[in-house]
Amino acid sequence: MSEIDSVMQQWIQRADIDIRAAEVLLDYKTDNFCDVVCFHCQQCIEKLLKASLIAIGRKPPKIHDLGQLALLIIEIKADLQLNPSEFDILTDFSTEGRYPGSSMEREEAEEILRLTRKLREQLLQIIQQQP
């Protein structure tokens, strides 16, 4: 395995941990973890976007704007059916729930997790389709 493949696999493994953490935390019968669920969803997709960029031969920039990362993939692979606005929905969760004044409800966290699963599948397909 090349160094590039190794780094890509590490991004994927860390993304898998994030989505699993989100799923486990949402299983708790309390709304107290909803912000953390959304944070892990954002983290999962950010890491998979960066793995996808590596897969298509581009070094991922050190940014956290998921829509911008998706646009970088689309620039190279214009035939992909990625919608940057869907990724934008998740961007704010990297900071949103970490400060007082905002809080996610359970239904919102469930919707964010559904979106994350959808985007995760799209990104894993991109990664798997590359040589």
N, C-alpha and C. Protein backbone atom coordinates (compact mmCIF):
# COMPACT_ATOMS: atom_id res chain seq x y z
N MET A 1 0.86 -1.18 0.00
CA MET A 1 0.00 0.00 0.00
C MET A 1 0.90 1.24 0.00
N SER A 2 0.59 2.16 -0.89
CA SER A 2 1.38 3.38 -0.98
C SER A 2 1.06 4.30 0.20
N GLU A 3 1.91 5.29 0.39
CA GLU A 3 1.69 6.26 1.46
C GLU A 3 0.39 7.03 1.25
N ILE A 4 0.10 7.35 0.01
CA ILE A 4 -1.14 8.07 -0.32
C ILE A 4 -2.35 7.22 0.04
N ASP A 5 -2.31 5.94 -0.34
CA ASP A 5 -3.41 5.03 0.00
C ASP A 5 -3.56 4.89 1.51
N SER A 6 -2.45 4.86 2.20
CA SER A 6 -2.48 4.74 3.66
C SER A 6 -3.15 5.95 4.30
N VAL A 7 -2.80 7.14 3.83
CA VAL A 7 -3.42 8.36 4.36
C VAL A 7 -4.90 8.37 4.06
N MET A 8 -5.27 7.99 2.85
CA MET A 8 -6.68 7.94 2.47
C MET A 8 -7.44 6.95 3.38
N GLN A 9 -6.87 5.80 3.63
CA GLN A 9 -7.50 4.81 4.50
C GLN A 9 -7.64 5.32 5.93
N GLN A 10 -6.67 6.10 6.38
CA GLN A 10 -6.76 6.67 7.72
C GLN A 10 -7.92 7.66 7.81
N TRP A 11 -8.11 8.47 6.76
CA TRP A 11 -9.27 9.39 6.74
C TRP A 11 -10.57 8.59 6.82
N ILE A 12 -10.64 7.51 6.04
CA ILE A 12 -11.86 6.70 6.01
C ILE A 12 -12.11 6.06 7.37
N GLN A 13 -11.07 5.53 7.99
CA GLN A 13 -11.23 4.90 9.31
C GLN A 13 -11.70 5.90 10.35
N ARG A 14 -11.16 7.10 10.31
CA ARG A 14 -11.58 8.12 11.27
C ARG A 14 -13.01 8.57 11.00
N ALA A 15 -13.39 8.62 9.74
CA ALA A 15 -14.78 8.95 9.39
C ALA A 15 -15.73 7.87 9.90
N ASP A 16 -15.32 6.62 9.78
CA ASP A 16 -16.14 5.51 10.28
C ASP A 16 -16.35 5.63 11.79
N ILE A 17 -15.33 6.03 12.51
CA ILE A 17 -15.45 6.22 13.95
C ILE A 17 -16.46 7.34 14.25
N ASP A 18 -16.38 8.42 13.49
CA ASP A 18 -17.30 9.54 13.71
C ASP A 18 -18.75 9.15 13.47
N ILE A 19 -19.03 8.44 12.39
CA ILE A 19 -20.44 8.09 12.13
C ILE A 19 -20.93 7.09 13.17
N ARG A 20 -20.06 6.19 13.57
CA ARG A 20 -20.46 5.23 14.61
C ARG A 20 -20.73 5.95 15.93
N ALA A 21 -19.90 6.92 16.27
CA ALA A 21 -20.13 7.70 17.49
C ALA A 21 -21.47 8.43 17.41
N ALA A 22 -21.77 9.02 16.27
CA ALA A 22 -23.06 9.72 16.10
C ALA A 22 -24.22 8.75 16.29
N GLU A 23 -24.12 7.57 15.71
CA GLU A 23 -25.19 6.58 15.83
C GLU A 23 -25.38 6.12 17.27
N VAL A 24 -24.28 5.86 17.96
CA VAL A 24 -24.35 5.41 19.35
C VAL A 24 -24.97 6.50 20.24
N LEU A 25 -24.51 7.72 20.05
CA LEU A 25 -25.01 8.82 20.88
C LEU A 25 -26.50 9.10 20.61
N LEU A 26 -26.93 8.92 19.39
CA LEU A 26 -28.35 9.14 19.08
C LEU A 26 -29.22 8.04 19.67
N ASP A 27 -28.65 6.88 19.92
CA ASP A 27 -29.40 5.78 20.52
C ASP A 27 -29.78 6.07 21.98
N TYR A 28 -29.04 6.95 22.63
CA TYR A 28 -29.39 7.30 24.00
C TYR A 28 -30.75 7.99 23.99
N LYS A 29 -31.54 7.75 24.98
CA LYS A 29 -32.91 8.30 25.03
C LYS A 29 -32.92 9.67 25.69
N THR A 30 -32.03 10.52 25.24
CA THR A 30 -31.96 11.87 25.75
C THR A 30 -31.60 12.80 24.61
N ASP A 31 -32.01 14.03 24.70
CA ASP A 31 -31.66 15.01 23.69
C ASP A 31 -30.32 15.68 23.99
N ASN A 32 -29.73 15.35 25.13
CA ASN A 32 -28.50 16.02 25.55
C ASN A 32 -27.33 15.83 24.59
N PHE A 33 -27.36 14.78 23.77
CA PHE A 33 -26.24 14.48 22.89
C PHE A 33 -26.46 14.92 21.45
N CYS A 34 -27.57 15.56 21.14
CA CYS A 34 -27.91 15.90 19.76
C CYS A 34 -26.87 16.81 19.11
N ASP A 35 -26.36 17.77 19.85
CA ASP A 35 -25.32 18.64 19.30
C ASP A 35 -24.06 17.85 18.95
N VAL A 36 -23.71 16.92 19.80
CA VAL A 36 -22.51 16.10 19.59
C VAL A 36 -22.73 15.16 18.40
N VAL A 37 -23.93 14.65 18.26
CA VAL A 37 -24.27 13.81 17.10
C VAL A 37 -24.01 14.59 15.82
N CYS A 38 -24.49 15.82 15.76
CA CYS A 38 -24.33 16.65 14.56
C CYS A 38 -22.86 16.99 14.32
N PHE A 39 -22.10 17.22 15.38
CA PHE A 39 -20.67 17.48 15.25
C PHE A 39 -19.98 16.27 14.60
N HIS A 40 -20.28 15.07 15.09
CA HIS A 40 -19.65 13.87 14.53
C HIS A 40 -20.09 13.62 13.09
N CYS A 41 -21.31 14.00 12.75
CA CYS A 41 -21.76 13.88 11.36
C CYS A 41 -20.93 14.79 10.46
N GLN A 42 -20.74 16.03 10.89
CA GLN A 42 -19.93 16.97 10.11
C GLN A 42 -18.51 16.42 9.96
N GLN A 43 -17.96 15.92 11.04
CA GLN A 43 -16.59 15.41 11.01
C GLN A 43 -16.47 14.21 10.06
N CYS A 44 -17.43 13.33 10.09
CA CYS A 44 -17.43 12.16 9.20
C CYS A 44 -17.35 12.60 7.74
N ILE A 45 -18.21 13.52 7.36
CA ILE A 45 -18.25 13.94 5.96
C ILE A 45 -17.01 14.74 5.58
N GLU A 46 -16.51 15.57 6.47
CA GLU A 46 -15.28 16.30 6.16
C GLU A 46 -14.14 15.33 5.87
N LYS A 47 -14.01 14.31 6.68
CA LYS A 47 -12.93 13.34 6.49
C LYS A 47 -13.10 12.55 5.20
N LEU A 48 -14.35 12.20 4.86
CA LEU A 48 -14.58 11.47 3.61
C LEU A 48 -14.39 12.36 2.39
N LEU A 49 -14.71 13.63 2.50
CA LEU A 49 -14.41 14.56 1.40
C LEU A 49 -12.90 14.63 1.17
N LYS A 50 -12.15 14.67 2.24
CA LYS A 50 -10.69 14.74 2.10
C LYS A 50 -10.13 13.42 1.55
N ALA A 51 -10.69 12.30 1.97
CA ALA A 51 -10.28 11.01 1.39
C ALA A 51 -10.64 10.96 -0.10
N SER A 52 -11.79 11.51 -0.46
CA SER A 52 -12.21 11.53 -1.87
C SER A 52 -11.27 12.38 -2.70
N LEU A 53 -10.86 13.51 -2.17
CA LEU A 53 -9.90 14.35 -2.89
C LEU A 53 -8.59 13.60 -3.12
N ILE A 54 -8.13 12.90 -2.12
CA ILE A 54 -6.91 12.10 -2.28
C ILE A 54 -7.12 11.04 -3.35
N ALA A 55 -8.29 10.40 -3.33
CA ALA A 55 -8.58 9.34 -4.30
C ALA A 55 -8.55 9.84 -5.74
N ILE A 56 -8.93 11.09 -5.95
CA ILE A 56 -8.92 11.62 -7.31
C ILE A 56 -7.64 12.40 -7.62
N GLY A 57 -6.67 12.29 -6.73
CA GLY A 57 -5.36 12.85 -7.01
C GLY A 57 -5.11 14.27 -6.58
N ARG A 58 -5.89 14.75 -5.65
CA ARG A 58 -5.71 16.14 -5.20
C ARG A 58 -5.44 16.15 -3.69
N LYS A 59 -4.49 16.97 -3.29
CA LYS A 59 -4.20 17.11 -1.87
C LYS A 59 -5.31 17.94 -1.23
N PRO A 60 -5.92 17.43 -0.16
CA PRO A 60 -7.00 18.19 0.48
C PRO A 60 -6.48 19.43 1.20
N PRO A 61 -7.15 20.56 1.00
CA PRO A 61 -6.75 21.76 1.71
C PRO A 61 -7.18 21.69 3.17
N LYS A 62 -6.56 22.48 4.00
CA LYS A 62 -6.90 22.51 5.42
C LYS A 62 -8.03 23.51 5.65
N ILE A 63 -9.20 23.15 5.14
CA ILE A 63 -10.41 23.95 5.33
C ILE A 63 -11.49 23.05 5.88
N HIS A 64 -12.54 23.65 6.42
CA HIS A 64 -13.62 22.88 7.02
C HIS A 64 -14.97 23.15 6.36
N ASP A 65 -14.96 23.94 5.30
CA ASP A 65 -16.18 24.25 4.56
C ASP A 65 -16.50 23.08 3.63
N LEU A 66 -17.51 22.31 3.99
CA LEU A 66 -17.80 21.08 3.25
C LEU A 66 -18.28 21.35 1.83
N GLY A 67 -19.02 22.42 1.64
CA GLY A 67 -19.46 22.79 0.30
C GLY A 67 -18.27 23.10 -0.60
N GLN A 68 -17.30 23.82 -0.06
CA GLN A 68 -16.09 24.14 -0.82
C GLN A 68 -15.30 22.88 -1.16
N LEU A 69 -15.20 21.96 -0.21
CA LEU A 69 -14.51 20.70 -0.47
C LEU A 69 -15.22 19.91 -1.56
N ALA A 70 -16.55 19.89 -1.51
CA ALA A 70 -17.32 19.19 -2.55
C ALA A 70 -17.09 19.83 -3.91
N LEU A 71 -17.03 21.15 -3.96
CA LEU A 71 -16.77 21.85 -5.23
C LEU A 71 -15.41 21.48 -5.81
N LEU A 72 -14.43 21.28 -4.95
CA LEU A 72 -13.11 20.87 -5.44
C LEU A 72 -13.16 19.51 -6.12
N ILE A 73 -13.99 18.63 -5.59
CA ILE A 73 -14.16 17.31 -6.21
C ILE A 73 -14.88 17.46 -7.55
N ILE A 74 -15.91 18.27 -7.58
CA ILE A 74 -16.70 18.47 -8.80
C ILE A 74 -15.85 19.12 -9.90
N GLU A 75 -14.92 19.99 -9.52
CA GLU A 75 -14.02 20.60 -10.51
C GLU A 75 -13.25 19.55 -11.30
N ILE A 76 -12.88 18.49 -10.63
CA ILE A 76 -12.09 17.43 -11.27
C ILE A 76 -12.99 16.37 -11.88
N LYS A 77 -14.07 16.05 -11.22
CA LYS A 77 -14.99 14.99 -11.65
C LYS A 77 -16.37 15.61 -11.88
N ALA A 78 -16.51 16.36 -12.96
CA ALA A 78 -17.74 17.11 -13.23
C ALA A 78 -18.95 16.21 -13.43
N ASP A 79 -18.74 14.95 -13.74
CA ASP A 79 -19.85 14.03 -13.99
C ASP A 79 -20.50 13.51 -12.71
N LEU A 80 -19.94 13.83 -11.58
CA LEU A 80 -20.49 13.33 -10.30
C LEU A 80 -21.78 14.06 -9.95
N GLN A 81 -22.64 13.37 -9.27
CA GLN A 81 -23.93 13.93 -8.86
C GLN A 81 -23.86 14.43 -7.42
N LEU A 82 -22.87 15.25 -7.13
CA LEU A 82 -22.75 15.82 -5.79
C LEU A 82 -23.44 17.18 -5.78
N ASN A 83 -24.14 17.45 -4.69
CA ASN A 83 -24.82 18.73 -4.53
C ASN A 83 -24.14 19.49 -3.38
N PRO A 84 -23.30 20.49 -3.70
CA PRO A 84 -22.57 21.19 -2.65
C PRO A 84 -23.46 21.78 -1.56
N SER A 85 -24.69 22.16 -1.90
CA SER A 85 -25.57 22.74 -0.88
C SER A 85 -25.94 21.72 0.20
N GLU A 86 -25.98 20.44 -0.15
CA GLU A 86 -26.23 19.42 0.87
C GLU A 86 -25.06 19.35 1.85
N PHE A 87 -23.87 19.51 1.34
CA PHE A 87 -22.69 19.49 2.20
C PHE A 87 -22.64 20.74 3.07
N ASP A 88 -23.07 21.87 2.49
CA ASP A 88 -23.10 23.13 3.25
C ASP A 88 -23.95 23.02 4.51
N ILE A 89 -25.01 22.23 4.45
CA ILE A 89 -25.89 22.06 5.60
C ILE A 89 -25.10 21.60 6.83
N LEU A 90 -24.11 20.77 6.60
CA LEU A 90 -23.34 20.19 7.70
C LEU A 90 -22.19 21.07 8.19
N THR A 91 -21.76 22.00 7.37
CA THR A 91 -20.55 22.78 7.68
C THR A 91 -20.59 23.42 9.07
N ASP A 92 -21.68 24.07 9.43
CA ASP A 92 -21.73 24.80 10.69
C ASP A 92 -21.67 23.92 11.93
N PHE A 93 -21.92 22.64 11.77
CA PHE A 93 -21.91 21.76 12.94
C PHE A 93 -20.50 21.51 13.48
N SER A 94 -19.48 21.99 12.77
CA SER A 94 -18.13 21.85 13.32
C SER A 94 -17.95 22.77 14.52
N THR A 95 -18.76 23.82 14.60
CA THR A 95 -18.67 24.75 15.73
C THR A 95 -20.01 24.99 16.42
N GLU A 96 -21.10 24.84 15.71
CA GLU A 96 -22.43 25.26 16.18
C GLU A 96 -22.79 24.77 17.59
N GLY A 97 -22.67 23.50 17.84
CA GLY A 97 -23.13 22.96 19.11
C GLY A 97 -22.12 23.04 20.24
N ARG A 98 -20.99 23.63 19.97
CA ARG A 98 -19.94 23.66 20.99
C ARG A 98 -20.00 24.90 21.87
N TYR A 99 -20.90 25.81 21.56
CA TYR A 99 -21.00 27.05 22.32
C TYR A 99 -22.41 27.24 22.84
N PRO A 100 -22.55 27.91 23.97
CA PRO A 100 -23.89 28.16 24.51
C PRO A 100 -24.73 28.99 23.55
N GLY A 101 -26.02 28.79 23.62
CA GLY A 101 -26.94 29.61 22.83
C GLY A 101 -27.65 28.88 21.73
N SER A 102 -27.19 27.70 21.38
CA SER A 102 -27.91 26.92 20.36
C SER A 102 -27.92 25.47 20.79
N SER A 103 -28.97 24.79 20.39
CA SER A 103 -29.09 23.39 20.74
C SER A 103 -29.97 22.69 19.71
N MET A 104 -29.57 21.53 19.30
CA MET A 104 -30.33 20.74 18.32
C MET A 104 -31.38 19.90 19.03
N GLU A 105 -32.49 19.73 18.38
CA GLU A 105 -33.54 18.83 18.86
C GLU A 105 -33.28 17.44 18.26
N ARG A 106 -33.86 16.44 18.87
CA ARG A 106 -33.67 15.05 18.43
C ARG A 106 -34.05 14.86 16.96
N GLU A 107 -35.18 15.40 16.54
CA GLU A 107 -35.65 15.23 15.17
C GLU A 107 -34.64 15.83 14.19
N GLU A 108 -34.07 16.98 14.56
CA GLU A 108 -33.06 17.61 13.70
C GLU A 108 -31.80 16.75 13.61
N ALA A 109 -31.38 16.21 14.73
CA ALA A 109 -30.20 15.35 14.74
C ALA A 109 -30.44 14.08 13.92
N GLU A 110 -31.64 13.54 13.99
CA GLU A 110 -31.96 12.35 13.19
C GLU A 110 -31.90 12.67 11.70
N GLU A 111 -32.39 13.85 11.32
CA GLU A 111 -32.35 14.27 9.91
C GLU A 111 -30.91 14.48 9.45
N ILE A 112 -30.09 15.08 10.30
CA ILE A 112 -28.67 15.29 9.97
C ILE A 112 -27.96 13.94 9.80
N LEU A 113 -28.28 12.98 10.64
CA LEU A 113 -27.67 11.66 10.52
C LEU A 113 -28.11 10.98 9.22
N ARG A 114 -29.38 11.12 8.84
CA ARG A 114 -29.84 10.56 7.56
C ARG A 114 -29.08 11.18 6.39
N LEU A 115 -28.93 12.50 6.40
CA LEU A 115 -28.19 13.18 5.35
C LEU A 115 -26.74 12.70 5.33
N THR A 116 -26.15 12.55 6.49
CA THR A 116 -24.76 12.08 6.58
C THR A 116 -24.61 10.70 5.97
N ARG A 117 -25.52 9.82 6.26
CA ARG A 117 -25.46 8.46 5.68
C ARG A 117 -25.54 8.53 4.15
N LYS A 118 -26.41 9.37 3.64
CA LYS A 118 -26.56 9.52 2.19
C LYS A 118 -25.26 10.04 1.56
N LEU A 119 -24.72 11.12 2.13
CA LEU A 119 -23.50 11.71 1.59
C LEU A 119 -22.32 10.75 1.74
N ARG A 120 -22.30 10.03 2.83
CA ARG A 120 -21.23 9.05 3.07
C ARG A 120 -21.21 8.00 1.97
N GLU A 121 -22.37 7.50 1.60
CA GLU A 121 -22.45 6.50 0.52
C GLU A 121 -21.95 7.07 -0.80
N GLN A 122 -22.33 8.31 -1.11
CA GLN A 122 -21.86 8.94 -2.35
C GLN A 122 -20.34 9.05 -2.36
N LEU A 123 -19.78 9.47 -1.26
CA LEU A 123 -18.33 9.67 -1.19
C LEU A 123 -17.57 8.35 -1.21
N LEU A 124 -18.09 7.33 -0.55
CA LEU A 124 -17.45 6.02 -0.59
C LEU A 124 -17.44 5.46 -2.00
N GLN A 125 -18.50 5.73 -2.77
CA GLN A 125 -18.53 5.29 -4.18
C GLN A 125 -17.45 5.98 -4.99
N ILE A 126 -17.26 7.27 -4.75
CA ILE A 126 -16.20 8.01 -5.46
C ILE A 126 -14.84 7.37 -5.15
N ILE A 127 -14.61 7.11 -3.89
CA ILE A 127 -13.33 6.54 -3.45
C ILE A 127 -13.12 5.16 -4.08
N GLN A 128 -14.15 4.33 -4.07
CA GLN A 128 -14.03 2.97 -4.57
C GLN A 128 -13.88 2.91 -6.08
N GLN A 129 -14.35 3.93 -6.79
CA GLN A 129 -14.28 3.94 -8.26
C GLN A 129 -12.91 4.35 -8.78
N GLN A 130 -12.06 4.86 -7.91
CA GLN A 130 -10.75 5.32 -8.36
C GLN A 130 -9.77 4.16 -8.39
N PRO A 131 -8.84 4.21 -9.35
CA PRO A 131 -7.85 3.11 -9.47
C PRO A 131 -6.91 3.05 -8.30
